C-alpha atoms as a PDB file:
ATOM      1  CA  UNK A   1     -40.479  21.626 -42.823  1.00  0.00           C
ATOM      2  CA  UNK A   2     -44.097  21.282 -41.758  1.00  0.00           C
ATOM      3  CA  UNK A   3     -45.113  21.149 -38.093  1.00  0.00           C
ATOM      4  CA  UNK A   4     -47.626  18.319 -38.502  1.00  0.00           C
ATOM      5  CA  UNK A   5     -46.981  16.675 -35.145  1.00  0.00           C
ATOM      6  CA  UNK A   6     -46.264  19.815 -33.130  1.00  0.00           C
ATOM      7  CA  UNK A   7     -48.945  21.470 -31.014  1.00  0.00           C
ATOM      8  CA  UNK A   8     -50.181  24.877 -32.192  1.00  0.00           C
ATOM      9  CA  UNK A   9     -48.401  26.602 -29.312  1.00  0.00           C
ATOM     10  CA  UNK A  10     -45.031  25.483 -30.677  1.00  0.00           C
ATOM     11  CA  UNK A  11     -45.870  25.720 -34.350  1.00  0.00           C
ATOM     12  CA  UNK A  12     -47.913  28.927 -34.378  1.00  0.00           C
ATOM     13  CA  UNK A  13     -51.259  29.483 -36.027  1.00  0.00           C
ATOM     14  CA  UNK A  14     -52.353  31.646 -38.950  1.00  0.00           C
ATOM     15  CA  UNK A  15     -53.970  34.046 -36.483  1.00  0.00           C
ATOM     16  CA  UNK A  16     -50.918  34.267 -34.221  1.00  0.00           C
ATOM     17  CA  UNK A  17     -47.632  33.446 -35.964  1.00  0.00           C
ATOM     18  CA  UNK A  18     -44.671  32.183 -33.984  1.00  0.00           C
ATOM     19  CA  UNK A  19     -42.904  35.004 -32.148  1.00  0.00           C
ATOM     20  CA  UNK A  20     -45.730  37.545 -32.453  1.00  0.00           C
ATOM     21  CA  UNK A  21     -46.348  38.799 -28.935  1.00  0.00           C
ATOM     22  CA  UNK A  22     -46.817  42.558 -29.281  1.00  0.00           C
ATOM     23  CA  UNK A  23     -49.752  44.405 -30.803  1.00  0.00           C
ATOM     24  CA  UNK A  24     -50.497  48.122 -31.056  1.00  0.00           C
ATOM     25  CA  UNK A  25     -53.361  50.414 -31.959  1.00  0.00           C
ATOM     26  CA  UNK A  26     -53.856  54.174 -32.130  1.00  0.00           C
ATOM     27  CA  UNK A  27     -57.115  56.082 -31.950  1.00  0.00           C
ATOM     28  CA  UNK A  28     -58.179  59.684 -31.590  1.00  0.00           C
ATOM     29  CA  UNK A  29     -59.621  60.445 -28.129  1.00  0.00           C
ATOM     30  CA  UNK A  30     -61.592  63.581 -27.361  1.00  0.00           C
ATOM     31  CA  UNK A  31     -61.671  63.441 -23.573  1.00  0.00           C
ATOM     32  CA  UNK A  32     -64.591  65.154 -21.871  1.00  0.00           C
ATOM     33  CA  UNK A  33     -63.917  67.869 -19.307  1.00  0.00           C
ATOM     34  CA  UNK A  34     -62.376  66.116 -16.297  1.00  0.00           C
ATOM     35  CA  UNK A  35     -62.961  67.588 -12.855  1.00  0.00           C
ATOM     36  CA  UNK A  36     -60.662  66.487 -10.002  1.00  0.00           C
ATOM     37  CA  UNK A  37     -61.006  62.730  -9.405  1.00  0.00           C
ATOM     38  CA  UNK A  38     -63.185  62.145 -12.470  1.00  0.00           C
ATOM     39  CA  UNK A  39     -62.380  59.332 -14.914  1.00  0.00           C
ATOM     40  CA  UNK A  40     -63.185  58.666 -18.556  1.00  0.00           C
ATOM     41  CA  UNK A  41     -63.114  55.262 -20.269  1.00  0.00           C
ATOM     42  CA  UNK A  42     -62.501  54.311 -23.892  1.00  0.00           C
ATOM     43  CA  UNK A  43     -62.558  50.834 -25.424  1.00  0.00           C
ATOM     44  CA  UNK A  44     -59.940  50.296 -28.135  1.00  0.00           C
ATOM     45  CA  UNK A  45     -59.934  47.351 -30.532  1.00  0.00           C
ATOM     46  CA  UNK A  46     -56.583  45.544 -30.487  1.00  0.00           C
ATOM     47  CA  UNK A  47     -56.725  42.382 -32.565  1.00  0.00           C
ATOM     48  CA  UNK A  48     -55.377  39.208 -30.918  1.00  0.00           C
ATOM     49  CA  UNK A  49     -55.295  40.487 -27.334  1.00  0.00           C
ATOM     50  CA  UNK A  50     -57.029  38.555 -24.563  1.00  0.00           C
ATOM     51  CA  UNK A  51     -57.830  39.024 -20.890  1.00  0.00           C
ATOM     52  CA  UNK A  52     -54.647  38.779 -18.847  1.00  0.00           C
ATOM     53  CA  UNK A  53     -52.310  40.255 -21.458  1.00  0.00           C
ATOM     54  CA  UNK A  54     -50.278  43.292 -20.355  1.00  0.00           C
ATOM     55  CA  UNK A  55     -51.622  46.553 -21.751  1.00  0.00           C
ATOM     56  CA  UNK A  56     -50.083  50.035 -21.710  1.00  0.00           C
ATOM     57  CA  UNK A  57     -51.468  53.361 -22.887  1.00  0.00           C
ATOM     58  CA  UNK A  58     -49.960  56.730 -23.787  1.00  0.00           C
ATOM     59  CA  UNK A  59     -51.784  59.947 -24.625  1.00  0.00           C
ATOM     60  CA  UNK A  60     -50.159  62.575 -26.829  1.00  0.00           C
ATOM     61  CA  UNK A  61     -51.088  65.490 -24.587  1.00  0.00           C
ATOM     62  CA  UNK A  62     -49.317  67.978 -22.336  1.00  0.00           C
ATOM     63  CA  UNK A  63     -50.552  67.556 -18.785  1.00  0.00           C
ATOM     64  CA  UNK A  64     -49.025  65.745 -15.882  1.00  0.00           C
ATOM     65  CA  UNK A  65     -52.305  65.563 -13.979  1.00  0.00           C
ATOM     66  CA  UNK A  66     -54.018  63.044 -16.247  1.00  0.00           C
ATOM     67  CA  UNK A  67     -53.197  59.502 -15.155  1.00  0.00           C
ATOM     68  CA  UNK A  68     -53.622  56.761 -17.764  1.00  0.00           C
ATOM     69  CA  UNK A  69     -54.239  53.085 -17.236  1.00  0.00           C
ATOM     70  CA  UNK A  70     -55.052  50.266 -19.627  1.00  0.00           C
ATOM     71  CA  UNK A  71     -56.213  46.687 -19.281  1.00  0.00           C
ATOM     72  CA  UNK A  72     -56.973  43.892 -21.721  1.00  0.00           C
ATOM     73  CA  UNK A  73     -60.705  43.982 -21.035  1.00  0.00           C
ATOM     74  CA  UNK A  74     -62.073  41.278 -23.334  1.00  0.00           C
ATOM     75  CA  UNK A  75     -60.868  39.371 -26.377  1.00  0.00           C
ATOM     76  CA  UNK A  76     -59.660  41.975 -28.896  1.00  0.00           C
ATOM     77  CA  UNK A  77     -60.515  44.931 -26.609  1.00  0.00           C
ATOM     78  CA  UNK A  78     -58.364  47.109 -24.369  1.00  0.00           C
ATOM     79  CA  UNK A  79     -60.078  49.517 -21.995  1.00  0.00           C
ATOM     80  CA  UNK A  80     -58.165  52.759 -21.428  1.00  0.00           C
ATOM     81  CA  UNK A  81     -58.908  54.964 -18.447  1.00  0.00           C
ATOM     82  CA  UNK A  82     -57.922  58.602 -17.981  1.00  0.00           C
ATOM     83  CA  UNK A  83     -58.225  60.098 -14.484  1.00  0.00           C
ATOM     84  CA  UNK A  84     -57.700  63.669 -13.339  1.00  0.00           C
ATOM     85  CA  UNK A  85     -55.393  63.406 -10.310  1.00  0.00           C
ATOM     86  CA  UNK A  86     -55.161  67.155  -9.718  1.00  0.00           C
ATOM     87  CA  UNK A  87     -56.507  68.229  -6.321  1.00  0.00           C
ATOM     88  CA  UNK A  88     -58.241  71.326  -7.691  1.00  0.00           C
ATOM     89  CA  UNK A  89     -57.936  71.837 -11.472  1.00  0.00           C
ATOM     90  CA  UNK A  90     -60.447  70.796 -14.133  1.00  0.00           C
ATOM     91  CA  UNK A  91     -59.021  69.859 -17.538  1.00  0.00           C
ATOM     92  CA  UNK A  92     -60.693  69.994 -20.940  1.00  0.00           C
ATOM     93  CA  UNK A  93     -58.019  68.688 -23.302  1.00  0.00           C
ATOM     94  CA  UNK A  94     -58.074  68.951 -27.065  1.00  0.00           C
ATOM     95  CA  UNK A  95     -58.474  65.766 -29.090  1.00  0.00           C
ATOM     96  CA  UNK A  96     -55.287  63.712 -28.773  1.00  0.00           C
ATOM     97  CA  UNK A  97     -53.864  60.446 -30.083  1.00  0.00           C
ATOM     98  CA  UNK A  98     -54.140  57.510 -27.695  1.00  0.00           C
ATOM     99  CA  UNK A  99     -51.583  54.762 -28.296  1.00  0.00           C
ATOM    100  CA  UNK A 100     -52.243  51.314 -26.851  1.00  0.00           C
ATOM    101  CA  UNK A 101     -49.694  48.481 -26.741  1.00  0.00           C
ATOM    102  CA  UNK A 102     -50.397  44.898 -25.684  1.00  0.00           C
ATOM    103  CA  UNK A 103     -47.851  42.231 -24.849  1.00  0.00           C
ATOM    104  CA  UNK A 104     -49.234  38.712 -24.799  1.00  0.00           C
ATOM    105  CA  UNK A 105     -48.680  36.750 -21.636  1.00  0.00           C
ATOM    106  CA  UNK A 106     -46.672  33.581 -21.946  1.00  0.00           C
ATOM    107  CA  UNK A 107     -48.642  30.370 -21.711  1.00  0.00           C
ATOM    108  CA  UNK A 108     -46.511  27.583 -20.319  1.00  0.00           C
END
């Protein structure tokens, strides 16, 4: 049955089918040496995300002193931030896989 009279939000669109709310991407990230308090940013392309969507990031690395944050920065882009929260140690991590997940906000 076609959705001729239904708005796109109810019917879905070719770019965003009904029920599709989660998107992921993985990239390789070679973090620079991070002194205490220093941050590094990386923009990751995640198709179909938009400002205001919830974004999460995970780095496949073994340190508890690197804090990660992610935000849907622009349309189709998530900005990931890594920050050294150690009070005294500098870290120079090997290249690691950064996983980014976006959950679309509900528009009511």
